[in-house]
Amino acid sequence: MGNQSEDRNKVSLKNYKNKSKQQTKDLKAIKKRVVELSHSRDSWKKKYQALQASTKLAKNSTSLNFGIRPCKHHYPLGLIWLCVQFQLYAGVSFRSCRHCLIQFYLLLSLNYRVPSHVSIRNWACKCGYYRLKKIGLNQLKTVNNYAVIVDESISIGAERLLLVLGLPLDNWQFEKAASLADIEVLSLRVSREWKSEQVSSVLSEVEKRYKIGYVVSDMGNNLLKSYQNNAYIHLPDITHIIARALERIYKKDALFIVMNQICGGLRRRWYLSKSAPLMPPSQRKKARFHNIFTLALWAKDIINIYQTLDHTHQQELHWIQANRVFIEEMLILRKVVSELSELLKVQGFNTQTHQQAIQILQICQTRRALFFKNELEVYFNDLAQKQLMNPDLPLTLLCCSDVIESAFGKFKYKISPNSIGGITEFALTIANFGRQFSKDEILKAMEAVKCEDLKKWRIENDVPSLAKKRRDVFSQKQNAKILSI
């Protein structure tokens, strides 16, 4: 028994010694590893700091200074300004704007976050809302006289847009035609219909902040009645007056109708054929009489080259030679319209331009041209009478509303024809057209306008959100499928 106990003690002691040696060995290894890691950490820290410093130096040498960040915004001011400029003046979509920005980053080796198309859309809408509401500016009625331009012709989806523009007259010199850079957006409202009472209400709100000298617009019945309700002086737009006179002349004219029919037949036969270079131009489907002289210009070119054409084409186009008098009459009217437009759209209407316009009309001697001359003389006499009856009117009057058509056209260009959205708060970007944005104005717009303000504007104008419109379209498609089953 004693020998066994001694043997166990020896084994236990031996195990203890081995365990102690192993622990001592592990401890030395750990201490050695700690020293290695300490040196390695310092080494890698120095390498990281050196790499970070070199990256920062390279970034500072190749990047742009985008400046400060607006309050409660993730992106710097310069980046927001750049995106707004891309969207407004480059004519690109929000997604394309984002892709352009990515290429811009890669080219200049910039290290910034890329905003989403939704963020860029919100920025553009905020800028439009800021300019429309004139946030931070004097809310009292201005003493500057405004020529107010009104139209509600644009219709996208179920909504119609009423746009009120203003041209400050006190500093306007009538040295050029009014452009988007010269006007201010005084009001922008959306509704499913615009009756005269609704238009009168909007103009009354505008009058609280702006001094309305007179109103320029087309001859829409609802607009005319609203001007009467508010006792505004209305000056008809010269472009619509000319188009209406041309419509009265040519809409039921037998020669013009036959000419359109023949040209339509030629287009159908010659399309994608060897005769395509001689094909007549297509006519506008909407507002055709705003530009009806393209056919006359084409016929003039055909007359000039008629003798050089082959026998087949001469037979097809012989009717042009037979109606040269009619075509020459159209060309005379085109010259008159061009000269009148250049005169009145730039210099406005006053005593001097009235006399010059009458002189231009003297070349109208044929039956159709005399009818056009009488229509325009009635228009000029109406403007002169309004000037005589209203001494408060300025000596020179703005009589052209083409600038509002330009705003509508630019807005329609930015909306996809297949879009289901219709008019949304994106309509606020109309206020951005024309005038350049400064970084200071962008900063004020970003900090003063919240997304809740855009939502409030949408609710006030009874405009459903884009997401809701998509849900409605989806539900309509689903219901149609169920009914078909």
Protein backbone atom coordinates (compact mmCIF):
# COMPACT_ATOMS: atom_id res chain seq x y z
CA MET A 1 0.00 0.00 0.00
CA GLY A 2 2.83 2.37 0.86
CA ASN A 3 4.62 1.76 -2.42
CA GLN A 4 1.45 2.52 -4.39
CA SER A 5 0.93 5.80 -2.51
CA GLU A 6 4.50 6.89 -3.24
CA ASP A 7 4.08 6.06 -6.90
CA ARG A 8 0.92 8.17 -7.11
CA ASN A 9 2.67 11.11 -5.46
CA LYS A 10 5.57 10.89 -7.90
CA VAL A 11 3.17 10.83 -10.86
CA SER A 12 1.23 13.78 -9.46
CA LEU A 13 4.41 15.77 -8.87
CA LYS A 14 5.61 15.00 -12.36
CA ASN A 15 2.31 16.15 -13.87
CA TYR A 16 2.41 19.31 -11.83
CA LYS A 17 5.93 20.09 -13.03
CA ASN A 18 4.98 19.44 -16.64
CA LYS A 19 1.87 21.61 -16.27
CA SER A 20 3.89 24.38 -14.63
CA LYS A 21 6.50 24.25 -17.40
CA GLN A 22 3.76 24.40 -20.04
CA GLN A 23 2.11 27.39 -18.33
CA THR A 24 5.46 29.16 -18.09
CA LYS A 25 6.07 28.44 -21.78
CA ASP A 26 2.57 29.72 -22.75
CA LEU A 27 3.04 32.84 -20.65
CA LYS A 28 6.33 33.63 -22.36
CA ALA A 29 4.66 33.09 -25.74
CA ILE A 30 1.80 35.39 -24.81
CA LYS A 31 4.17 38.10 -23.60
CA LYS A 32 6.17 37.77 -26.80
CA ARG A 33 2.95 38.00 -28.86
CA VAL A 34 1.83 41.06 -26.93
CA VAL A 35 5.10 42.76 -27.73
CA GLU A 36 4.76 41.80 -31.39
CA LEU A 37 1.17 43.01 -31.55
CA SER A 38 2.08 46.25 -29.83
CA HIS A 39 4.77 46.94 -32.41
CA SER A 40 2.46 45.76 -35.21
CA ARG A 41 -0.38 48.03 -34.02
CA ASP A 42 1.87 51.04 -33.92
CA SER A 43 3.24 50.15 -37.32
CA TRP A 44 -0.19 49.67 -38.92
CA LYS A 45 -1.48 52.81 -37.19
CA LYS A 46 1.35 54.82 -38.69
CA LYS A 47 0.72 53.29 -42.10
CA TYR A 48 -3.01 54.07 -41.85
CA GLN A 49 -2.34 57.65 -40.81
CA ALA A 50 0.12 58.10 -43.66
CA LEU A 51 -2.36 56.63 -46.17
CA GLN A 52 -5.19 58.77 -44.82
CA ALA A 53 -3.03 61.90 -45.05
CA SER A 54 -2.02 61.11 -48.64
CA THR A 55 -5.65 60.39 -49.61
CA LYS A 56 -6.80 63.63 -48.02
CA LEU A 57 -4.06 65.53 -49.82
CA ALA A 58 -5.01 63.97 -53.17
CA LYS A 59 -8.70 64.66 -52.50
CA ASN A 60 -8.03 68.30 -51.66
CA SER A 61 -5.91 68.70 -54.77
CA THR A 62 -8.54 67.26 -57.20
CA SER A 63 -11.94 67.85 -55.57
CA LEU A 64 -14.27 70.80 -55.60
CA ASN A 65 -15.24 72.77 -52.55
CA PHE A 66 -18.97 72.10 -52.21
CA GLY A 67 -19.19 74.35 -49.17
CA ILE A 68 -21.36 74.04 -46.09
CA ARG A 69 -24.35 71.79 -45.60
CA PRO A 70 -27.79 73.37 -45.25
CA CYS A 71 -29.43 72.80 -41.91
CA LYS A 72 -30.95 69.28 -41.60
CA HIS A 73 -29.52 68.16 -44.95
CA HIS A 74 -27.01 65.37 -45.63
CA TYR A 75 -25.50 66.87 -48.78
CA PRO A 76 -23.35 70.01 -49.17
CA LEU A 77 -24.76 73.17 -50.67
CA GLY A 78 -22.66 73.11 -53.82
CA LEU A 79 -23.77 69.59 -54.66
CA ILE A 80 -27.44 70.55 -54.30
CA TRP A 81 -26.90 73.61 -56.48
CA LEU A 82 -25.15 71.48 -59.13
CA CYS A 83 -28.01 68.96 -59.26
CA VAL A 84 -30.65 71.70 -59.57
CA GLN A 85 -28.67 73.26 -62.43
CA PHE A 86 -28.35 69.88 -64.16
CA GLN A 87 -32.08 69.31 -64.02
CA LEU A 88 -33.19 72.82 -65.01
CA TYR A 89 -30.79 73.86 -67.73
CA ALA A 90 -29.34 70.61 -69.09
CA GLY A 91 -32.84 69.21 -69.71
CA VAL A 92 -32.08 65.83 -68.13
CA SER A 93 -34.32 63.70 -65.95
CA PHE A 94 -33.68 63.19 -62.25
CA ARG A 95 -32.24 59.72 -62.80
CA SER A 96 -30.06 60.96 -65.65
CA CYS A 97 -28.93 63.79 -63.39
CA ARG A 98 -27.80 61.18 -60.87
CA HIS A 99 -25.91 59.21 -63.54
CA CYS A 100 -24.19 62.40 -64.76
CA LEU A 101 -23.12 63.09 -61.19
CA ILE A 102 -21.60 59.61 -60.87
CA GLN A 103 -19.52 60.17 -64.02
CA PHE A 104 -18.54 63.56 -62.65
CA TYR A 105 -17.28 61.89 -59.47
CA LEU A 106 -15.30 59.28 -61.38
CA LEU A 107 -13.70 61.85 -63.65
CA LEU A 108 -12.51 64.09 -60.82
CA SER A 109 -11.88 61.28 -58.28
CA LEU A 110 -14.36 62.75 -55.83
CA ASN A 111 -15.45 60.95 -52.70
CA TYR A 112 -19.02 62.09 -51.98
CA ARG A 113 -22.32 60.36 -51.54
CA VAL A 114 -24.54 60.18 -54.62
CA PRO A 115 -28.05 61.55 -53.97
CA SER A 116 -31.07 59.61 -55.17
CA HIS A 117 -33.42 60.89 -57.87
CA VAL A 118 -36.07 61.45 -55.17
CA SER A 119 -33.74 63.79 -53.26
CA ILE A 120 -32.96 65.77 -56.42
CA ARG A 121 -36.68 66.03 -57.16
CA ASN A 122 -37.36 67.34 -53.67
CA TRP A 123 -34.61 69.94 -54.04
CA ALA A 124 -36.03 71.21 -57.35
CA CYS A 125 -39.57 71.37 -55.90
CA LYS A 126 -38.33 73.21 -52.81
CA CYS A 127 -36.63 75.83 -54.99
CA GLY A 128 -39.84 76.33 -56.99
CA TYR A 129 -41.94 76.59 -53.82
CA TYR A 130 -39.48 79.13 -52.39
CA ARG A 131 -39.71 81.36 -55.44
CA LEU A 132 -43.47 80.98 -55.76
CA LYS A 133 -44.20 81.90 -52.14
CA LYS A 134 -41.45 84.55 -51.99
CA ILE A 135 -40.45 83.23 -48.55
CA GLY A 136 -38.54 85.76 -46.49
CA LEU A 137 -39.41 88.66 -48.78
CA ASN A 138 -41.70 91.58 -48.09
CA GLN A 139 -45.28 90.29 -47.97
CA LEU A 140 -46.82 93.73 -48.49
CA LYS A 141 -48.32 94.76 -51.81
CA THR A 142 -45.63 95.88 -54.23
CA VAL A 143 -45.79 99.34 -55.82
CA ASN A 144 -44.43 98.02 -59.12
CA ASN A 145 -46.97 97.74 -61.94
CA TYR A 146 -47.26 94.27 -63.45
CA ALA A 147 -48.46 93.13 -66.83
CA VAL A 148 -50.12 89.87 -65.78
CA ILE A 149 -50.17 86.95 -68.22
CA VAL A 150 -52.75 84.23 -67.53
CA ASP A 151 -53.45 80.87 -69.14
CA GLU A 152 -54.93 77.51 -68.13
CA SER A 153 -54.65 75.61 -71.36
CA ILE A 154 -52.28 72.90 -70.18
CA SER A 155 -53.98 69.64 -69.27
CA ILE A 156 -52.14 66.55 -68.05
CA GLY A 157 -54.21 63.62 -66.87
CA ALA A 158 -57.33 64.79 -65.08
CA GLU A 159 -55.79 68.05 -63.80
CA ARG A 160 -55.49 71.46 -65.42
CA LEU A 161 -52.86 73.99 -64.48
CA LEU A 162 -53.62 77.69 -64.04
CA LEU A 163 -50.48 79.77 -64.36
CA VAL A 164 -50.22 83.50 -63.62
CA LEU A 165 -47.02 85.26 -64.71
CA GLY A 166 -46.04 88.86 -64.09
CA LEU A 167 -43.75 91.22 -66.01
CA PRO A 168 -42.61 94.26 -63.95
CA LEU A 169 -43.40 97.23 -66.18
CA ASP A 170 -41.62 100.04 -64.33
CA ASN A 171 -38.18 98.88 -65.54
CA TRP A 172 -39.20 97.21 -68.81
CA GLN A 173 -37.79 99.00 -71.86
CA PHE A 174 -39.45 97.04 -74.73
CA GLU A 175 -36.10 96.37 -76.39
CA LYS A 176 -36.69 92.62 -76.80
CA ALA A 177 -39.45 90.06 -76.52
CA ALA A 178 -40.24 89.00 -72.96
CA SER A 179 -38.56 85.72 -71.97
CA LEU A 180 -38.73 83.39 -68.98
CA ALA A 181 -35.77 85.21 -67.43
CA ASP A 182 -37.78 88.46 -67.33
CA ILE A 183 -40.99 87.28 -65.67
CA GLU A 184 -42.05 86.18 -62.19
CA VAL A 185 -44.45 83.36 -61.34
CA LEU A 186 -47.20 85.07 -59.32
CA SER A 187 -49.49 82.08 -58.87
CA LEU A 188 -49.59 78.41 -59.82
CA ARG A 189 -52.70 76.38 -59.05
CA VAL A 190 -54.03 72.96 -60.06
CA SER A 191 -57.66 71.90 -60.42
CA ARG A 192 -59.81 69.55 -62.49
CA GLU A 193 -61.60 72.55 -64.02
CA TRP A 194 -61.22 76.31 -64.02
CA LYS A 195 -64.48 78.21 -64.06
CA SER A 196 -64.56 82.00 -64.15
CA GLU A 197 -65.31 82.22 -60.41
CA GLN A 198 -62.26 80.13 -59.55
CA VAL A 199 -60.01 82.18 -61.82
CA SER A 200 -61.39 85.39 -60.28
CA SER A 201 -60.57 84.07 -56.82
CA VAL A 202 -56.96 83.28 -57.78
CA LEU A 203 -56.49 86.71 -59.39
CA SER A 204 -57.91 88.38 -56.26
CA GLU A 205 -55.27 86.59 -54.18
CA VAL A 206 -52.58 87.75 -56.60
CA GLU A 207 -53.84 91.34 -56.39
CA LYS A 208 -53.27 91.37 -52.63
CA ARG A 209 -49.51 91.17 -53.19
CA TYR A 210 -49.02 92.61 -56.68
CA LYS A 211 -50.32 95.71 -58.41
CA ILE A 212 -52.02 94.50 -61.60
CA GLY A 213 -51.79 97.08 -64.37
CA TYR A 214 -53.51 95.00 -67.05
CA VAL A 215 -53.93 91.38 -68.12
CA VAL A 216 -52.69 89.75 -71.34
CA SER A 217 -54.14 86.39 -72.42
CA ASP A 218 -56.09 84.57 -75.10
CA MET A 219 -59.84 84.93 -75.57
CA GLY A 220 -60.98 82.03 -73.40
CA ASN A 221 -64.55 82.61 -72.19
CA ASN A 222 -63.81 81.68 -68.58
CA LEU A 223 -60.81 84.03 -68.50
CA LEU A 224 -62.71 86.93 -70.08
CA LYS A 225 -65.54 86.59 -67.58
CA SER A 226 -63.11 86.51 -64.65
CA TYR A 227 -61.52 89.77 -65.87
CA GLN A 228 -64.95 91.36 -66.01
CA ASN A 229 -65.72 90.17 -62.48
CA ASN A 230 -62.53 91.79 -61.16
CA ALA A 231 -62.73 94.87 -63.45
CA TYR A 232 -59.32 94.23 -65.03
CA ILE A 233 -58.24 95.71 -68.36
CA HIS A 234 -57.72 92.83 -70.78
CA LEU A 235 -55.43 92.99 -73.82
CA PRO A 236 -55.88 90.08 -76.27
CA ASP A 237 -52.71 88.27 -77.26
CA ILE A 238 -51.52 89.22 -80.75
CA THR A 239 -50.47 85.62 -81.56
CA HIS A 240 -53.96 84.26 -80.89
CA ILE A 241 -55.57 87.15 -82.78
CA ILE A 242 -53.46 86.39 -85.86
CA ALA A 243 -54.16 82.64 -85.59
CA ARG A 244 -57.90 83.26 -85.22
CA ALA A 245 -57.93 85.54 -88.30
CA LEU A 246 -56.07 82.92 -90.34
CA GLU A 247 -58.47 80.24 -89.14
CA ARG A 248 -61.46 82.29 -90.29
CA ILE A 249 -59.83 82.71 -93.70
CA TYR A 250 -58.61 79.18 -94.40
CA LYS A 251 -60.60 76.75 -92.27
CA LYS A 252 -63.47 76.52 -94.79
CA ASP A 253 -61.53 77.66 -97.85
CA ALA A 254 -61.96 75.09 -100.63
CA LEU A 255 -58.48 75.56 -102.14
CA PHE A 256 -56.77 75.22 -98.75
CA ILE A 257 -58.77 72.08 -97.91
CA VAL A 258 -57.90 70.47 -101.25
CA MET A 259 -54.26 71.46 -100.82
CA ASN A 260 -54.13 69.74 -97.40
CA GLN A 261 -55.78 66.60 -98.79
CA ILE A 262 -53.36 66.35 -101.71
CA CYS A 263 -50.35 66.91 -99.44
CA GLY A 264 -51.62 64.25 -97.06
CA GLY A 265 -51.93 61.77 -99.92
CA LEU A 266 -48.41 62.58 -101.13
CA ARG A 267 -47.00 62.00 -97.65
CA ARG A 268 -48.65 58.59 -97.43
CA ARG A 269 -47.39 57.52 -100.88
CA TRP A 270 -43.89 58.99 -100.72
CA TYR A 271 -43.04 58.02 -97.16
CA LEU A 272 -39.85 55.84 -97.16
CA SER A 273 -39.66 56.01 -100.96
CA LYS A 274 -37.22 57.61 -103.40
CA SER A 275 -39.54 60.64 -103.50
CA ALA A 276 -39.17 61.28 -99.74
CA PRO A 277 -36.91 64.38 -100.26
CA LEU A 278 -39.81 66.06 -102.10
CA MET A 279 -42.41 65.03 -99.51
CA PRO A 280 -44.57 67.92 -98.14
CA PRO A 281 -44.19 68.79 -94.45
CA SER A 282 -46.63 67.46 -91.89
CA GLN A 283 -49.21 69.79 -90.37
CA ARG A 284 -49.78 70.38 -86.68
CA LYS A 285 -52.72 68.45 -85.28
CA LYS A 286 -53.35 70.99 -82.53
CA ALA A 287 -53.35 74.76 -83.01
CA ARG A 288 -52.74 74.22 -86.73
CA PHE A 289 -53.44 77.82 -87.69
CA HIS A 290 -50.63 79.13 -85.49
CA ASN A 291 -48.30 77.92 -88.21
CA ILE A 292 -49.97 77.16 -91.55
CA PHE A 293 -47.33 78.63 -93.85
CA THR A 294 -45.03 75.60 -93.94
CA LEU A 295 -47.00 74.23 -96.90
CA ALA A 296 -46.68 77.55 -98.75
CA LEU A 297 -42.90 77.57 -98.22
CA TRP A 298 -42.69 73.98 -99.44
CA ALA A 299 -44.78 74.84 -102.52
CA LYS A 300 -42.48 77.81 -103.22
CA ASP A 301 -39.43 75.51 -103.18
CA ILE A 302 -41.20 73.07 -105.52
CA ILE A 303 -41.97 75.93 -107.96
CA ASN A 304 -38.29 76.94 -107.99
CA ILE A 305 -37.12 73.42 -108.92
CA TYR A 306 -40.15 72.32 -110.95
CA GLN A 307 -38.35 72.37 -114.31
CA THR A 308 -35.58 70.11 -112.99
CA LEU A 309 -37.96 67.35 -111.84
CA ASP A 310 -38.61 64.21 -113.84
CA HIS A 311 -41.88 63.73 -115.73
CA THR A 312 -43.51 61.57 -113.03
CA HIS A 313 -42.92 64.12 -110.28
CA GLN A 314 -44.05 66.98 -112.52
CA GLN A 315 -47.36 65.22 -113.05
CA GLU A 316 -47.76 64.61 -109.30
CA LEU A 317 -46.96 68.27 -108.47
CA HIS A 318 -48.66 69.98 -111.41
CA TRP A 319 -51.43 71.26 -109.12
CA ILE A 320 -48.91 73.60 -107.48
CA GLN A 321 -48.28 75.35 -110.77
CA ALA A 322 -52.02 75.66 -111.31
CA ASN A 323 -52.48 77.38 -107.94
CA ARG A 324 -49.50 79.74 -107.94
CA VAL A 325 -51.72 82.77 -107.24
CA PHE A 326 -53.12 81.13 -104.11
CA ILE A 327 -49.65 80.19 -102.90
CA GLU A 328 -48.25 83.66 -103.58
CA GLU A 329 -51.14 85.14 -101.57
CA MET A 330 -50.24 82.85 -98.63
CA LEU A 331 -46.61 83.98 -98.87
CA ILE A 332 -47.70 87.63 -98.76
CA LEU A 333 -49.70 86.92 -95.61
CA ARG A 334 -46.71 85.10 -94.14
CA LYS A 335 -44.55 88.17 -94.71
CA VAL A 336 -47.17 90.41 -93.07
CA VAL A 337 -47.51 88.09 -90.06
CA SER A 338 -43.73 87.90 -89.64
CA GLU A 339 -43.28 91.68 -89.74
CA LEU A 340 -46.20 92.35 -87.41
CA SER A 341 -44.95 89.76 -84.91
CA GLU A 342 -41.41 91.13 -84.95
CA LEU A 343 -42.69 94.66 -84.42
CA LEU A 344 -45.33 94.17 -81.74
CA LYS A 345 -43.77 91.33 -79.75
CA VAL A 346 -40.57 93.33 -79.27
CA GLN A 347 -41.63 96.98 -79.18
CA GLY A 348 -45.15 96.53 -77.80
CA PHE A 349 -48.18 98.55 -78.85
CA ASN A 350 -48.12 102.35 -78.82
CA THR A 351 -48.98 105.18 -81.19
CA GLN A 352 -45.82 104.74 -83.23
CA THR A 353 -46.00 100.96 -83.60
CA HIS A 354 -49.72 101.30 -84.41
CA GLN A 355 -48.89 103.46 -87.41
CA GLN A 356 -46.08 101.12 -88.48
CA ALA A 357 -48.44 98.12 -88.26
CA ILE A 358 -51.01 99.90 -90.45
CA GLN A 359 -48.26 100.53 -93.02
CA ILE A 360 -47.31 96.84 -93.00
CA LEU A 361 -50.93 95.88 -93.70
CA GLN A 362 -51.10 98.07 -96.83
CA ILE A 363 -49.70 95.29 -99.03
CA CYS A 364 -52.83 93.23 -98.35
CA GLN A 365 -54.85 93.72 -101.54
CA THR A 366 -56.41 90.34 -102.40
CA ARG A 367 -59.71 89.09 -101.00
CA ARG A 368 -58.26 86.89 -98.29
CA ALA A 369 -55.53 89.39 -97.42
CA LEU A 370 -58.08 92.22 -97.12
CA PHE A 371 -60.11 90.14 -94.67
CA PHE A 372 -56.95 89.61 -92.60
CA LYS A 373 -56.19 93.33 -92.76
CA ASN A 374 -59.68 94.25 -91.49
CA GLU A 375 -59.40 91.78 -88.59
CA LEU A 376 -56.06 93.22 -87.46
CA GLU A 377 -57.23 96.83 -87.83
CA VAL A 378 -60.18 96.09 -85.55
CA TYR A 379 -57.72 94.65 -83.00
CA PHE A 380 -55.42 97.68 -83.18
CA ASN A 381 -58.33 100.11 -82.84
CA ASP A 382 -59.54 98.17 -79.78
CA LEU A 383 -56.12 98.53 -78.10
CA ALA A 384 -55.96 102.23 -78.97
CA GLN A 385 -59.48 102.74 -77.57
CA LYS A 386 -58.55 101.04 -74.30
CA GLN A 387 -55.50 103.28 -73.99
CA LEU A 388 -57.69 106.34 -74.58
CA MET A 389 -60.36 105.24 -72.08
CA ASN A 390 -57.84 104.32 -69.34
CA PRO A 391 -55.31 107.11 -68.69
CA ASP A 392 -53.57 104.95 -66.06
CA LEU A 393 -52.34 102.59 -68.75
CA PRO A 394 -48.70 103.11 -69.81
CA LEU A 395 -47.90 104.58 -73.22
CA THR A 396 -46.55 101.25 -74.47
CA LEU A 397 -48.50 98.03 -73.87
CA LEU A 398 -47.39 94.44 -73.79
CA CYS A 399 -49.66 92.54 -76.20
CA CYS A 400 -47.96 89.15 -76.45
CA SER A 401 -48.29 86.14 -74.13
CA ASP A 402 -45.84 83.80 -75.91
CA VAL A 403 -43.74 83.55 -72.75
CA ILE A 404 -46.45 81.58 -70.94
CA GLU A 405 -46.63 79.14 -73.86
CA SER A 406 -42.86 78.74 -73.54
CA ALA A 407 -43.24 77.87 -69.85
CA PHE A 408 -45.93 75.30 -70.63
CA GLY A 409 -43.88 73.80 -73.44
CA LYS A 410 -40.78 73.46 -71.28
CA PHE A 411 -42.81 71.85 -68.50
CA LYS A 412 -44.44 69.36 -70.88
CA TYR A 413 -41.02 68.48 -72.28
CA LYS A 414 -39.87 67.42 -68.80
CA ILE A 415 -42.87 65.12 -68.29
CA SER A 416 -42.89 61.71 -69.91
CA PRO A 417 -45.82 61.32 -72.35
CA ASN A 418 -46.43 57.86 -70.86
CA SER A 419 -46.39 59.10 -67.28
CA ILE A 420 -49.34 58.12 -65.11
CA GLY A 421 -48.53 60.83 -62.60
CA GLY A 422 -50.21 63.76 -64.32
CA ILE A 423 -49.66 67.05 -62.50
CA THR A 424 -47.95 66.66 -59.11
CA GLU A 425 -45.89 69.02 -56.96
CA PHE A 426 -43.30 68.82 -59.75
CA ALA A 427 -45.31 71.66 -61.35
CA LEU A 428 -43.64 73.94 -58.79
CA THR A 429 -40.45 73.73 -60.84
CA ILE A 430 -42.05 76.07 -63.41
CA ALA A 431 -41.04 78.87 -61.04
CA ASN A 432 -37.40 77.83 -61.56
CA PHE A 433 -37.37 78.39 -65.32
CA GLY A 434 -35.38 81.23 -66.78
CA ARG A 435 -33.60 82.79 -63.83
CA GLN A 436 -30.30 81.42 -62.57
CA PHE A 437 -30.03 80.25 -58.97
CA SER A 438 -27.32 81.59 -56.70
CA LYS A 439 -25.90 79.43 -53.92
CA ASP A 440 -27.32 81.87 -51.37
CA GLU A 441 -30.83 81.43 -52.80
CA ILE A 442 -30.41 77.64 -52.81
CA LEU A 443 -29.34 77.74 -49.16
CA LYS A 444 -32.36 79.80 -48.15
CA ALA A 445 -34.72 77.54 -50.13
CA MET A 446 -33.33 74.35 -48.56
CA GLU A 447 -33.56 75.70 -45.01
CA ALA A 448 -36.87 77.56 -45.34
CA VAL A 449 -38.92 74.94 -47.23
CA LYS A 450 -39.72 71.55 -45.72
CA CYS A 451 -41.12 68.46 -47.40
CA GLU A 452 -44.25 69.08 -45.31
CA ASP A 453 -44.72 72.37 -47.18
CA LEU A 454 -44.74 70.50 -50.50
CA LYS A 455 -47.27 68.06 -49.09
CA LYS A 456 -49.40 70.95 -47.85
CA TRP A 457 -49.35 72.59 -51.30
CA ARG A 458 -50.40 69.27 -52.86
CA ILE A 459 -53.32 68.95 -50.43
CA GLU A 460 -54.41 72.57 -50.98
CA ASN A 461 -54.53 71.99 -54.74
CA ASP A 462 -56.22 68.59 -54.34
CA VAL A 463 -53.34 66.87 -56.14
CA PRO A 464 -52.90 63.22 -55.13
CA SER A 465 -49.38 61.98 -54.55
CA LEU A 466 -47.55 60.07 -57.26
CA ALA A 467 -47.66 56.90 -55.17
CA LYS A 468 -51.44 57.18 -54.80
CA LYS A 469 -51.88 57.68 -58.54
CA ARG A 470 -49.84 54.56 -59.21
CA ARG A 471 -51.95 52.59 -56.75
CA ASP A 472 -55.12 53.86 -58.41
CA VAL A 473 -53.90 52.86 -61.87
CA PHE A 474 -52.88 49.43 -60.56
CA SER A 475 -56.28 48.90 -58.94
CA GLN A 476 -58.05 49.96 -62.15
CA LYS A 477 -56.03 47.40 -64.12
CA GLN A 478 -56.82 44.71 -61.57
CA ASN A 479 -60.53 45.52 -61.69
CA ALA A 480 -60.44 45.40 -65.48
CA LYS A 481 -58.86 41.93 -65.34
CA ILE A 482 -61.48 40.72 -62.89
CA LEU A 483 -64.31 42.04 -65.06
CA SER A 484 -62.80 40.42 -68.17
CA ILE A 485 -62.72 37.08 -66.39
